[in-house]
Amino acid sequence: MSRTRGGGRHLDEDDIRVRARGGSRPRTRTRPKHENAVEGLVTAVDRGRYRCLVEGTRVVAMKARELGRGSIVVGDRVDVVGDLSGLPDTLARIVRVRDRSSVLRRTADDTDPVERIIVANADQLAIVCALADPAPQPRFVDRCLVAAYDAGLSPLLCLTKADLADPGELVQAYEPLGVPYEVLSPEGDLTGLKARLAGRTTVLVGSSGVGKSTLFNRLIPGTDRAVGHVNAVTGRGRHTSTSAVALPFEGGWLIDTPGVRSFGLAHIAPEDIVEGFPDLADLALDCPAGCTHQEDAEDCAVGAALERGEADPARVASLRRLLASREGDTEEEREREREP
């Protein structure tokens, strides 16, 4: 059945339904079957559109409605159907997200119940920490180490701006833990770092202004990730990169992420936070059940080791801060609330 409009062309029922929805062209009734889906890797996410690498071709895709509200993140292995040509203005469709081998997560703070997935399927976390401008942040490094161990990722410490400060103190703090590290300067040789990244899927995480995107651009020339400078008044960096992106590198993948000022661990149980401090976890085995490991905790083996000089005071203090911050009642949390 068809109708005419003002003596013009005939409008069939499909046209009428489309125009009622405000559309400009009818949807095809022939959808690609899911069994014909092709595997792809999500390399970037931008406002509901997903850039995927599918059989060597870069395509843009949307998420199928049947996937619901679940998030798709950089690093996800997905099944894609539709137009896979990669030509301008074409759009494919993600119909499945494959099982993830790892998930790196964080929360906005230690009391926020909402988890934010940073990347999926990485196997190495490169924690980028500046030696100066801004000053080193061992508390942030500790948080990232806990998140790495929880996600099953191997940590790698990248100490940038070695031309501005001596790395000795920070290296001394983490070397006994067996955390591998690379000391880097703006024009320094990257051979050692490249060897650690080759053949692996590595995600770079760091606070704003530590030189993370600058490092990414040096490792993959021509990337042109946005870089910023540190505020001379606050000593903090500006957020420059606004989204995660994955690029192939030396037989693996390198993933840059936006700079963050906080790395909440609300999604990690207290006992798992302790496991993120391997130098203290063995001591904690002798603590009573439910031990808070705080200064006022009775029969705390960690506290006893500290008094005997057998535990690093800075590491114990960091552990105690992380555990206490889950209640949102530490000086660190109050200081964060005062930040502009």
C-alpha atoms as a PDB file:
ATOM      1  CA  MET A   1       0.000   0.000   0.000  1.00  0.00           C
ATOM      2  CA  SER A   2       1.259   3.519  -0.784  1.00  0.00           C
ATOM      3  CA  ARG A   3       0.122   7.078  -0.390  1.00  0.00           C
ATOM      4  CA  THR A   4       0.781  10.220  -2.407  1.00  0.00           C
ATOM      5  CA  ARG A   5       1.749  13.548  -0.955  1.00  0.00           C
ATOM      6  CA  GLY A   6       0.829  16.742  -2.808  1.00  0.00           C
ATOM      7  CA  GLY A   7       0.755  14.958  -6.147  1.00  0.00           C
ATOM      8  CA  GLY A   8       4.412  14.007  -5.791  1.00  0.00           C
ATOM      9  CA  ARG A   9       6.087  10.622  -5.635  1.00  0.00           C
ATOM     10  CA  HIS A  10       4.479   7.702  -3.853  1.00  0.00           C
ATOM     11  CA  LEU A  11       5.494   7.114  -0.212  1.00  0.00           C
ATOM     12  CA  ASP A  12       5.361   3.517   0.883  1.00  0.00           C
ATOM     13  CA  GLU A  13       4.699   2.475   4.488  1.00  0.00           C
ATOM     14  CA  ASP A  14       8.422   2.108   5.286  1.00  0.00           C
ATOM     15  CA  ASP A  15       9.034   5.708   4.164  1.00  0.00           C
ATOM     16  CA  ILE A  16       6.151   6.937   6.314  1.00  0.00           C
ATOM     17  CA  ARG A  17       7.443   5.130   9.408  1.00  0.00           C
ATOM     18  CA  VAL A  18      10.962   6.500   8.875  1.00  0.00           C
ATOM     19  CA  ARG A  19       9.745  10.064   8.407  1.00  0.00           C
ATOM     20  CA  ALA A  20       7.632   9.771  11.550  1.00  0.00           C
ATOM     21  CA  ARG A  21      10.821   8.971  13.432  1.00  0.00           C
ATOM     22  CA  GLY A  22      12.520  11.998  11.917  1.00  0.00           C
ATOM     23  CA  GLY A  23      14.861   9.867   9.800  1.00  0.00           C
ATOM     24  CA  SER A  24      16.062  10.636   6.321  1.00  0.00           C
ATOM     25  CA  ARG A  25      16.320   7.153   4.865  1.00  0.00           C
ATOM     26  CA  PRO A  26      14.808   3.764   5.632  1.00  0.00           C
ATOM     27  CA  ARG A  27      16.846   1.259   7.601  1.00  0.00           C
ATOM     28  CA  THR A  28      17.845  -1.885   5.793  1.00  0.00           C
ATOM     29  CA  ARG A  29      16.074  -5.010   6.955  1.00  0.00           C
ATOM     30  CA  THR A  30      19.092  -7.136   6.034  1.00  0.00           C
ATOM     31  CA  ARG A  31      21.454  -7.076   9.021  1.00  0.00           C
ATOM     32  CA  PRO A  32      24.815  -8.908   9.009  1.00  0.00           C
ATOM     33  CA  LYS A  33      24.559 -12.159  10.954  1.00  0.00           C
ATOM     34  CA  HIS A  34      26.571 -12.353  14.133  1.00  0.00           C
ATOM     35  CA  GLU A  35      28.174 -15.636  13.113  1.00  0.00           C
ATOM     36  CA  ASN A  36      29.856 -13.677  10.329  1.00  0.00           C
ATOM     37  CA  ALA A  37      31.438 -11.252  12.816  1.00  0.00           C
ATOM     38  CA  VAL A  38      35.157 -10.540  12.546  1.00  0.00           C
ATOM     39  CA  GLU A  39      37.438 -10.026  15.542  1.00  0.00           C
ATOM     40  CA  GLY A  40      38.814  -6.547  16.133  1.00  0.00           C
ATOM     41  CA  LEU A  41      40.787  -4.627  18.731  1.00  0.00           C
ATOM     42  CA  VAL A  42      39.433  -1.394  20.209  1.00  0.00           C
ATOM     43  CA  THR A  43      42.183   1.225  19.894  1.00  0.00           C
ATOM     44  CA  ALA A  44      40.272   4.383  20.883  1.00  0.00           C
ATOM     45  CA  VAL A  45      36.886   5.473  22.206  1.00  0.00           C
ATOM     46  CA  ASP A  46      35.303   8.825  21.426  1.00  0.00           C
ATOM     47  CA  ARG A  47      31.745   9.780  22.366  1.00  0.00           C
ATOM     48  CA  GLY A  48      30.100   6.481  21.610  1.00  0.00           C
ATOM     49  CA  ARG A  49      32.226   5.672  18.593  1.00  0.00           C
ATOM     50  CA  TYR A  50      34.903   2.994  18.738  1.00  0.00           C
ATOM     51  CA  ARG A  51      37.973   2.898  16.556  1.00  0.00           C
ATOM     52  CA  CYS A  52      38.878  -0.720  15.910  1.00  0.00           C
ATOM     53  CA  LEU A  53      41.654  -2.496  14.092  1.00  0.00           C
ATOM     54  CA  VAL A  54      40.022  -5.273  12.064  1.00  0.00           C
ATOM     55  CA  GLU A  55      42.262  -7.493   9.936  1.00  0.00           C
ATOM     56  CA  GLY A  56      44.706  -4.634   9.447  1.00  0.00           C
ATOM     57  CA  THR A  57      42.032  -2.078   8.584  1.00  0.00           C
ATOM     58  CA  ARG A  58      41.019   0.754  10.902  1.00  0.00           C
ATOM     59  CA  VAL A  59      37.240   1.004  11.110  1.00  0.00           C
ATOM     60  CA  VAL A  60      34.812   3.060  13.149  1.00  0.00           C
ATOM     61  CA  ALA A  61      32.051   1.176  14.935  1.00  0.00           C
ATOM     62  CA  MET A  62      29.101   1.723  17.210  1.00  0.00           C
ATOM     63  CA  LYS A  63      27.908  -0.586  19.967  1.00  0.00           C
ATOM     64  CA  ALA A  64      24.993  -2.889  19.167  1.00  0.00           C
ATOM     65  CA  ARG A  65      21.892  -2.133  21.185  1.00  0.00           C
ATOM     66  CA  GLU A  66      21.725  -5.671  22.540  1.00  0.00           C
ATOM     67  CA  LEU A  67      25.008  -5.142  24.413  1.00  0.00           C
ATOM     68  CA  GLY A  68      23.178  -2.829  26.817  1.00  0.00           C
ATOM     69  CA  ARG A  69      24.948  -0.323  29.032  1.00  0.00           C
ATOM     70  CA  GLY A  70      28.139  -2.331  29.564  1.00  0.00           C
ATOM     71  CA  SER A  71      31.282  -0.408  28.783  1.00  0.00           C
ATOM     72  CA  ILE A  72      33.669  -1.116  25.942  1.00  0.00           C
ATOM     73  CA  VAL A  73      37.188   0.187  26.546  1.00  0.00           C
ATOM     74  CA  VAL A  74      40.518   0.480  24.789  1.00  0.00           C
ATOM     75  CA  GLY A  75      42.177  -2.923  24.619  1.00  0.00           C
ATOM     76  CA  ASP A  76      38.936  -4.873  24.344  1.00  0.00           C
ATOM     77  CA  ARG A  77      38.793  -7.696  21.819  1.00  0.00           C
ATOM     78  CA  VAL A  78      35.448  -7.419  20.073  1.00  0.00           C
ATOM     79  CA  ASP A  79      33.444  -9.033  17.292  1.00  0.00           C
ATOM     80  CA  VAL A  80      32.425  -6.594  14.568  1.00  0.00           C
ATOM     81  CA  VAL A  81      29.918  -6.786  11.704  1.00  0.00           C
ATOM     82  CA  GLY A  82      28.799  -4.417   8.975  1.00  0.00           C
ATOM     83  CA  ASP A  83      30.902  -2.177   6.771  1.00  0.00           C
ATOM     84  CA  LEU A  84      34.528  -3.076   7.523  1.00  0.00           C
ATOM     85  CA  SER A  85      36.038  -1.168   4.617  1.00  0.00           C
ATOM     86  CA  GLY A  86      37.333   1.647   6.787  1.00  0.00           C
ATOM     87  CA  LEU A  87      36.228   4.205   4.203  1.00  0.00           C
ATOM     88  CA  PRO A  88      35.125   7.688   5.350  1.00  0.00           C
ATOM     89  CA  ASP A  89      31.584   7.929   6.748  1.00  0.00           C
ATOM     90  CA  THR A  90      31.222   4.149   7.108  1.00  0.00           C
ATOM     91  CA  LEU A  91      30.102   2.615  10.379  1.00  0.00           C
ATOM     92  CA  ALA A  92      30.405  -0.948  11.608  1.00  0.00           C
ATOM     93  CA  ARG A  93      28.747  -2.496  14.645  1.00  0.00           C
ATOM     94  CA  ILE A  94      30.254  -4.221  17.694  1.00  0.00           C
ATOM     95  CA  VAL A  95      28.087  -7.203  18.572  1.00  0.00           C
ATOM     96  CA  ARG A  96      30.226  -9.012  21.181  1.00  0.00           C
ATOM     97  CA  VAL A  97      32.962  -8.238  23.687  1.00  0.00           C
ATOM     98  CA  ARG A  98      35.305 -11.177  24.175  1.00  0.00           C
ATOM     99  CA  ASP A  99      36.451 -12.367  27.588  1.00  0.00           C
ATOM    100  CA  ARG A 100      39.090 -10.099  29.097  1.00  0.00           C
ATOM    101  CA  SER A 101      42.417 -11.442  30.345  1.00  0.00           C
ATOM    102  CA  SER A 102      42.865  -8.433  32.637  1.00  0.00           C
ATOM    103  CA  VAL A 103      41.081  -5.237  33.640  1.00  0.00           C
ATOM    104  CA  LEU A 104      42.840  -2.195  35.088  1.00  0.00           C
ATOM    105  CA  ARG A 105      40.370  -0.234  37.188  1.00  0.00           C
ATOM    106  CA  ARG A 106      40.274   2.785  39.442  1.00  0.00           C
ATOM    107  CA  THR A 107      37.702   4.834  41.335  1.00  0.00           C
ATOM    108  CA  ALA A 108      37.538   8.618  41.662  1.00  0.00           C
ATOM    109  CA  ASP A 109      38.511   8.291  45.316  1.00  0.00           C
ATOM    110  CA  ASP A 110      38.694   5.619  47.993  1.00  0.00           C
ATOM    111  CA  THR A 111      35.029   5.920  48.971  1.00  0.00           C
ATOM    112  CA  ASP A 112      33.520   6.091  45.474  1.00  0.00           C
ATOM    113  CA  PRO A 113      31.576   2.879  44.692  1.00  0.00           C
ATOM    114  CA  VAL A 114      31.726   3.444  40.926  1.00  0.00           C
ATOM    115  CA  GLU A 115      34.538   1.587  39.186  1.00  0.00           C
ATOM    116  CA  ARG A 116      36.110   3.081  36.097  1.00  0.00           C
ATOM    117  CA  ILE A 117      37.774   0.635  33.734  1.00  0.00           C
ATOM    118  CA  ILE A 118      40.896   2.236  32.277  1.00  0.00           C
ATOM    119  CA  VAL A 119      41.946  -0.459  29.807  1.00  0.00           C
ATOM    120  CA  ALA A 120      41.403  -4.156  29.166  1.00  0.00           C
ATOM    121  CA  ASN A 121      43.783  -6.981  28.242  1.00  0.00           C
ATOM    122  CA  ALA A 122      47.021  -5.212  29.148  1.00  0.00           C
ATOM    123  CA  ASP A 123      49.802  -7.261  30.745  1.00  0.00           C
ATOM    124  CA  GLN A 124      52.121  -4.477  31.929  1.00  0.00           C
ATOM    125  CA  LEU A 125      51.508  -1.204  33.782  1.00  0.00           C
ATOM    126  CA  ALA A 126      54.131   1.486  33.216  1.00  0.00           C
ATOM    127  CA  ILE A 127      53.859   3.935  36.118  1.00  0.00           C
ATOM    128  CA  VAL A 128      55.263   7.256  34.933  1.00  0.00           C
ATOM    129  CA  CYS A 129      56.614   9.409  37.765  1.00  0.00           C
ATOM    130  CA  ALA A 130      58.585  12.636  37.381  1.00  0.00           C
ATOM    131  CA  LEU A 131      61.668  13.198  39.533  1.00  0.00           C
ATOM    132  CA  ALA A 132      60.935  16.932  39.553  1.00  0.00           C
ATOM    133  CA  ASP A 133      58.450  19.456  38.119  1.00  0.00           C
ATOM    134  CA  PRO A 134      56.155  18.107  39.561  1.00  0.00           C
ATOM    135  CA  ALA A 135      57.804  16.572  42.615  1.00  0.00           C
ATOM    136  CA  PRO A 136      57.845  12.750  42.941  1.00  0.00           C
ATOM    137  CA  GLN A 137      54.621  11.180  44.195  1.00  0.00           C
ATOM    138  CA  PRO A 138      55.436   7.905  45.993  1.00  0.00           C
ATOM    139  CA  ARG A 139      51.875   7.723  47.364  1.00  0.00           C
ATOM    140  CA  PHE A 140      50.548   7.715  43.801  1.00  0.00           C
ATOM    141  CA  VAL A 141      53.114   5.096  42.814  1.00  0.00           C
ATOM    142  CA  ASP A 142      52.017   2.897  45.729  1.00  0.00           C
ATOM    143  CA  ARG A 143      48.396   3.144  44.613  1.00  0.00           C
ATOM    144  CA  CYS A 144      49.301   2.176  41.062  1.00  0.00           C
ATOM    145  CA  LEU A 145      51.330  -0.776  42.303  1.00  0.00           C
ATOM    146  CA  VAL A 146      48.352  -2.027  44.310  1.00  0.00           C
ATOM    147  CA  ALA A 147      46.097  -1.654  41.240  1.00  0.00           C
ATOM    148  CA  ALA A 148      48.645  -3.464  39.055  1.00  0.00           C
ATOM    149  CA  TYR A 149      48.925  -6.430  41.398  1.00  0.00           C
ATOM    150  CA  ASP A 150      45.124  -6.578  41.760  1.00  0.00           C
ATOM    151  CA  ALA A 151      44.708  -6.627  37.960  1.00  0.00           C
ATOM    152  CA  GLY A 152      47.482  -9.171  37.424  1.00  0.00           C
ATOM    153  CA  LEU A 153      49.701  -6.716  35.538  1.00  0.00           C
ATOM    154  CA  SER A 154      53.478  -6.549  35.808  1.00  0.00           C
ATOM    155  CA  PRO A 155      54.532  -3.098  37.078  1.00  0.00           C
ATOM    156  CA  LEU A 156      57.268  -1.018  35.480  1.00  0.00           C
ATOM    157  CA  LEU A 157      58.434   2.260  37.016  1.00  0.00           C
ATOM    158  CA  CYS A 158      59.381   4.990  34.526  1.00  0.00           C
ATOM    159  CA  LEU A 159      61.210   7.863  36.237  1.00  0.00           C
ATOM    160  CA  THR A 160      61.154  10.892  33.937  1.00  0.00           C
ATOM    161  CA  LYS A 161      62.946  14.267  33.975  1.00  0.00           C
ATOM    162  CA  ALA A 162      66.196  12.784  35.265  1.00  0.00           C
ATOM    163  CA  ASP A 163      67.902  15.910  33.944  1.00  0.00           C
ATOM    164  CA  LEU A 164      66.260  17.875  36.770  1.00  0.00           C
ATOM    165  CA  ALA A 165      66.854  15.666  39.821  1.00  0.00           C
ATOM    166  CA  ASP A 166      68.754  12.642  41.133  1.00  0.00           C
ATOM    167  CA  PRO A 167      66.699   9.420  40.969  1.00  0.00           C
ATOM    168  CA  GLY A 168      68.655   7.788  43.823  1.00  0.00           C
ATOM    169  CA  GLU A 169      66.126   8.214  46.643  1.00  0.00           C
ATOM    170  CA  LEU A 170      63.142   6.948  44.657  1.00  0.00           C
ATOM    171  CA  VAL A 171      65.125   4.075  43.168  1.00  0.00           C
ATOM    172  CA  GLN A 172      66.274   3.081  46.653  1.00  0.00           C
ATOM    173  CA  ALA A 173      62.662   3.035  47.884  1.00  0.00           C
ATOM    174  CA  TYR A 174      61.366   0.602  45.231  1.00  0.00           C
ATOM    175  CA  GLU A 175      64.363  -1.427  44.163  1.00  0.00           C
ATOM    176  CA  PRO A 176      64.129  -3.793  47.183  1.00  0.00           C
ATOM    177  CA  LEU A 177      60.583  -4.681  46.067  1.00  0.00           C
ATOM    178  CA  GLY A 178      61.848  -6.035  42.790  1.00  0.00           C
ATOM    179  CA  VAL A 179      59.950  -3.453  40.757  1.00  0.00           C
ATOM    180  CA  PRO A 180      61.849  -2.926  37.469  1.00  0.00           C
ATOM    181  CA  TYR A 181      62.546   0.685  36.569  1.00  0.00           C
ATOM    182  CA  GLU A 182      63.936   2.928  33.873  1.00  0.00           C
ATOM    183  CA  VAL A 183      65.475   6.348  34.517  1.00  0.00           C
ATOM    184  CA  LEU A 184      64.666   8.685  31.626  1.00  0.00           C
ATOM    185  CA  SER A 185      65.679  12.162  30.503  1.00  0.00           C
ATOM    186  CA  PRO A 186      64.234  14.244  27.622  1.00  0.00           C
ATOM    187  CA  GLU A 187      67.016  13.428  25.185  1.00  0.00           C
ATOM    188  CA  GLY A 188      68.237  10.201  26.770  1.00  0.00           C
ATOM    189  CA  ASP A 189      68.520   6.784  25.168  1.00  0.00           C
ATOM    190  CA  LEU A 190      65.298   4.730  25.188  1.00  0.00           C
ATOM    191  CA  THR A 191      66.867   1.406  24.257  1.00  0.00           C
ATOM    192  CA  GLY A 192      66.391  -0.145  27.694  1.00  0.00           C
ATOM    193  CA  LEU A 193      62.766   0.970  27.935  1.00  0.00           C
ATOM    194  CA  LYS A 194      61.963  -0.249  24.422  1.00  0.00           C
ATOM    195  CA  ALA A 195      63.298  -3.692  25.321  1.00  0.00           C
ATOM    196  CA  ARG A 196      60.943  -3.845  28.320  1.00  0.00           C
ATOM    197  CA  LEU A 197      57.968  -2.829  26.160  1.00  0.00           C
ATOM    198  CA  ALA A 198      58.642  -5.052  23.154  1.00  0.00           C
ATOM    199  CA  GLY A 199      56.090  -7.796  22.580  1.00  0.00           C
ATOM    200  CA  ARG A 200      53.879  -6.691  25.474  1.00  0.00           C
ATOM    201  CA  THR A 201      50.657  -4.731  25.879  1.00  0.00           C
ATOM    202  CA  THR A 202      51.667  -1.871  28.151  1.00  0.00           C
ATOM    203  CA  VAL A 203      49.446   0.864  29.545  1.00  0.00           C
ATOM    204  CA  LEU A 204      51.076   4.122  30.636  1.00  0.00           C
ATOM    205  CA  VAL A 205      49.563   5.750  33.732  1.00  0.00           C
ATOM    206  CA  GLY A 206      50.697   8.893  35.503  1.00  0.00           C
ATOM    207  CA  SER A 207      49.670  12.205  36.982  1.00  0.00           C
ATOM    208  CA  SER A 208      49.272  15.222  34.731  1.00  0.00           C
ATOM    209  CA  GLY A 209      52.530  16.914  33.848  1.00  0.00           C
ATOM    210  CA  VAL A 210      54.917  14.011  34.490  1.00  0.00           C
ATOM    211  CA  GLY A 211      55.831  13.652  30.817  1.00  0.00           C
ATOM    212  CA  LYS A 212      53.758  10.607  29.989  1.00  0.00           C
ATOM    213  CA  SER A 213      52.473  11.769  26.604  1.00  0.00           C
ATOM    214  CA  THR A 214      55.879  13.249  25.777  1.00  0.00           C
ATOM    215  CA  LEU A 215      57.372   9.818  26.383  1.00  0.00           C
ATOM    216  CA  PHE A 216      54.654   8.218  24.243  1.00  0.00           C
ATOM    217  CA  ASN A 217      55.459  10.617  21.408  1.00  0.00           C
ATOM    218  CA  ARG A 218      59.172   9.772  21.639  1.00  0.00           C
ATOM    219  CA  LEU A 219      58.493   6.049  21.558  1.00  0.00           C
ATOM    220  CA  ILE A 220      56.139   6.357  18.577  1.00  0.00           C
ATOM    221  CA  PRO A 221      57.223   9.400  16.528  1.00  0.00           C
ATOM    222  CA  GLY A 222      54.448  11.200  14.686  1.00  0.00           C
ATOM    223  CA  THR A 223      51.836  10.349  17.295  1.00  0.00           C
ATOM    224  CA  ASP A 224      51.455  13.995  18.366  1.00  0.00           C
ATOM    225  CA  ARG A 225      49.716  13.280  21.638  1.00  0.00           C
ATOM    226  CA  ALA A 226      48.922  16.575  23.394  1.00  0.00           C
ATOM    227  CA  VAL A 227      51.440  17.576  26.054  1.00  0.00           C
ATOM    228  CA  GLY A 228      51.217  20.239  28.733  1.00  0.00           C
ATOM    229  CA  HIS A 229      53.189  22.121  31.328  1.00  0.00           C
ATOM    230  CA  VAL A 230      53.161  22.223  35.106  1.00  0.00           C
ATOM    231  CA  ASN A 231      51.438  25.159  36.796  1.00  0.00           C
ATOM    232  CA  ALA A 232      54.134  27.249  38.477  1.00  0.00           C
ATOM    233  CA  VAL A 233      51.812  28.161  41.371  1.00  0.00           C
ATOM    234  CA  THR A 234      50.213  24.808  42.230  1.00  0.00           C
ATOM    235  CA  GLY A 235      53.003  22.532  41.019  1.00  0.00           C
ATOM    236  CA  ARG A 236      50.414  20.392  39.256  1.00  0.00           C
ATOM    237  CA  GLY A 237      50.076  19.505  35.615  1.00  0.00           C
ATOM    238  CA  ARG A 238      47.187  20.274  33.297  1.00  0.00           C
ATOM    239  CA  HIS A 239      45.107  17.504  31.782  1.00  0.00           C
ATOM    240  CA  THR A 240      46.138  17.393  28.114  1.00  0.00           C
ATOM    241  CA  SER A 241      45.367  13.960  26.653  1.00  0.00           C
ATOM    242  CA  THR A 242      41.628  13.454  27.070  1.00  0.00           C
ATOM    243  CA  SER A 243      41.193   9.838  26.026  1.00  0.00           C
ATOM    244  CA  ALA A 244      43.087   6.574  25.944  1.00  0.00           C
ATOM    245  CA  VAL A 245      44.636   5.407  22.681  1.00  0.00           C
ATOM    246  CA  ALA A 246      46.429   2.188  21.715  1.00  0.00           C
ATOM    247  CA  LEU A 247      49.074   1.965  18.989  1.00  0.00           C
ATOM    248  CA  PRO A 248      51.186  -0.992  17.822  1.00  0.00           C
ATOM    249  CA  PHE A 249      54.735  -0.975  19.162  1.00  0.00           C
ATOM    250  CA  GLU A 250      57.616  -3.429  18.710  1.00  0.00           C
ATOM    251  CA  GLY A 251      55.423  -6.516  18.328  1.00  0.00           C
ATOM    252  CA  GLY A 252      53.015  -5.429  21.066  1.00  0.00           C
ATOM    253  CA  TRP A 253      50.832  -2.475  21.972  1.00  0.00           C
ATOM    254  CA  LEU A 254      51.421   0.775  23.801  1.00  0.00           C
ATOM    255  CA  ILE A 255      48.417   2.484  25.425  1.00  0.00           C
ATOM    256  CA  ASP A 256      48.514   6.117  26.537  1.00  0.00           C
ATOM    257  CA  THR A 257      45.897   7.303  29.039  1.00  0.00           C
ATOM    258  CA  PRO A 258      44.763  10.730  30.258  1.00  0.00           C
ATOM    259  CA  GLY A 259      46.663  12.105  33.242  1.00  0.00           C
ATOM    260  CA  VAL A 260      44.950  11.631  36.600  1.00  0.00           C
ATOM    261  CA  ARG A 261      45.280  13.380  39.961  1.00  0.00           C
ATOM    262  CA  SER A 262      43.837  10.569  42.035  1.00  0.00           C
ATOM    263  CA  PHE A 263      43.831   6.793  41.774  1.00  0.00           C
ATOM    264  CA  GLY A 264      41.074   5.501  44.041  1.00  0.00           C
ATOM    265  CA  LEU A 265      41.144   1.932  45.304  1.00  0.00           C
ATOM    266  CA  ALA A 266      37.589   1.557  46.588  1.00  0.00           C
ATOM    267  CA  HIS A 267      37.147  -1.525  44.379  1.00  0.00           C
ATOM    268  CA  ILE A 268      39.978  -3.378  46.134  1.00  0.00           C
ATOM    269  CA  ALA A 269      39.403  -5.166  49.450  1.00  0.00           C
ATOM    270  CA  PRO A 270      41.639  -4.108  52.376  1.00  0.00           C
ATOM    271  CA  GLU A 271      43.384  -7.468  52.477  1.00  0.00           C
ATOM    272  CA  ASP A 272      44.202  -7.133  48.780  1.00  0.00           C
ATOM    273  CA  ILE A 273      45.636  -3.674  49.386  1.00  0.00           C
ATOM    274  CA  VAL A 274      48.037  -5.260  51.879  1.00  0.00           C
ATOM    275  CA  GLU A 275      49.006  -7.783  49.192  1.00  0.00           C
ATOM    276  CA  GLY A 276      50.042  -4.804  47.076  1.00  0.00           C
ATOM    277  CA  PHE A 277      52.873  -4.229  49.572  1.00  0.00           C
ATOM    278  CA  PRO A 278      54.857  -7.460  49.221  1.00  0.00           C
ATOM    279  CA  ASP A 279      57.467  -6.201  51.689  1.00  0.00           C
ATOM    280  CA  LEU A 280      54.778  -5.898  54.377  1.00  0.00           C
ATOM    281  CA  ALA A 281      52.346  -8.651  53.374  1.00  0.00           C
ATOM    282  CA  ASP A 282      54.478 -11.414  54.917  1.00  0.00           C
ATOM    283  CA  LEU A 283      54.615  -9.490  58.197  1.00  0.00           C
ATOM    284  CA  ALA A 284      50.829  -9.038  58.152  1.00  0.00           C
ATOM    285  CA  LEU A 285      50.348 -12.818  58.169  1.00  0.00           C
ATOM    286  CA  ASP A 286      51.147 -12.743  61.882  1.00  0.00           C
ATOM    287  CA  CYS A 287      48.523 -10.081  62.599  1.00  0.00           C
ATOM    288  CA  PRO A 288      45.201 -10.990  64.290  1.00  0.00           C
ATOM    289  CA  ALA A 289      42.129 -11.365  62.095  1.00  0.00           C
ATOM    290  CA  GLY A 290      40.641  -8.041  61.064  1.00  0.00           C
ATOM    291  CA  CYS A 291      43.776  -6.087  61.967  1.00  0.00           C
ATOM    292  CA  THR A 292      43.653  -2.507  60.685  1.00  0.00           C
ATOM    293  CA  HIS A 293      47.458  -2.166  60.763  1.00  0.00           C
ATOM    294  CA  GLN A 294      47.038   1.350  62.140  1.00  0.00           C
ATOM    295  CA  GLU A 295      49.095   2.795  64.996  1.00  0.00           C
ATOM    296  CA  ASP A 296      46.443   1.919  67.595  1.00  0.00           C
ATOM    297  CA  ALA A 297      45.951  -1.680  66.360  1.00  0.00           C
ATOM    298  CA  GLU A 298      46.615  -4.258  69.083  1.00  0.00           C
ATOM    299  CA  ASP A 299      49.133  -7.041  68.400  1.00  0.00           C
ATOM    300  CA  CYS A 300      49.799  -5.695  64.904  1.00  0.00           C
ATOM    301  CA  ALA A 301      52.838  -7.517  63.529  1.00  0.00           C
ATOM    302  CA  VAL A 302      53.477  -4.739  61.017  1.00  0.00           C
ATOM    303  CA  GLY A 303      53.597  -2.158  63.801  1.00  0.00           C
ATOM    304  CA  ALA A 304      55.855  -4.385  65.885  1.00  0.00           C
ATOM    305  CA  ALA A 305      58.271  -4.801  62.972  1.00  0.00           C
ATOM    306  CA  LEU A 306      58.282  -1.039  62.517  1.00  0.00           C
ATOM    307  CA  GLU A 307      59.236  -0.513  66.158  1.00  0.00           C
ATOM    308  CA  ARG A 308      62.063  -3.034  65.824  1.00  0.00           C
ATOM    309  CA  GLY A 309      63.372  -1.216  62.758  1.00  0.00           C
ATOM    310  CA  GLU A 310      62.553  -4.157  60.488  1.00  0.00           C
ATOM    311  CA  ALA A 311      60.015  -2.345  58.280  1.00  0.00           C
ATOM    312  CA  ASP A 312      60.418   0.745  56.124  1.00  0.00           C
ATOM    313  CA  PRO A 313      58.616   3.635  57.911  1.00  0.00           C
ATOM    314  CA  ALA A 314      57.642   5.281  54.613  1.00  0.00           C
ATOM    315  CA  ARG A 315      56.089   2.070  53.293  1.00  0.00           C
ATOM    316  CA  VAL A 316      54.174   1.430  56.523  1.00  0.00           C
ATOM    317  CA  ALA A 317      52.913   5.013  56.489  1.00  0.00           C
ATOM    318  CA  SER A 318      51.765   4.614  52.873  1.00  0.00           C
ATOM    319  CA  LEU A 319      49.937   1.366  53.680  1.00  0.00           C
ATOM    320  CA  ARG A 320      48.223   2.974  56.652  1.00  0.00           C
ATOM    321  CA  ARG A 321      47.166   5.973  54.573  1.00  0.00           C
ATOM    322  CA  LEU A 322      45.670   3.768  51.862  1.00  0.00           C
ATOM    323  CA  LEU A 323      43.728   1.686  54.360  1.00  0.00           C
ATOM    324  CA  ALA A 324      42.495   4.713  56.298  1.00  0.00           C
ATOM    325  CA  SER A 325      41.550   6.634  53.172  1.00  0.00           C
ATOM    326  CA  ARG A 326      38.871   4.058  52.426  1.00  0.00           C
ATOM    327  CA  GLU A 327      36.985   5.740  55.249  1.00  0.00           C
ATOM    328  CA  GLY A 328      37.610   9.157  53.676  1.00  0.00           C
ATOM    329  CA  ASP A 329      39.233  10.502  56.811  1.00  0.00           C
ATOM    330  CA  THR A 330      42.906  11.124  56.147  1.00  0.00           C
ATOM    331  CA  GLU A 331      44.861  14.319  55.734  1.00  0.00           C
ATOM    332  CA  GLU A 332      45.562  13.248  52.149  1.00  0.00           C
ATOM    333  CA  GLU A 333      41.831  13.155  51.404  1.00  0.00           C
ATOM    334  CA  ARG A 334      41.219  16.491  53.119  1.00  0.00           C
ATOM    335  CA  GLU A 335      44.071  18.046  51.159  1.00  0.00           C
ATOM    336  CA  ARG A 336      42.570  16.717  47.922  1.00  0.00           C
ATOM    337  CA  GLU A 337      39.255  18.361  48.767  1.00  0.00           C
ATOM    338  CA  ARG A 338      41.058  21.682  49.088  1.00  0.00           C
ATOM    339  CA  GLU A 339      42.619  21.385  45.643  1.00  0.00           C
ATOM    340  CA  PRO A 340      41.342  23.901  43.072  1.00  0.00           C
END
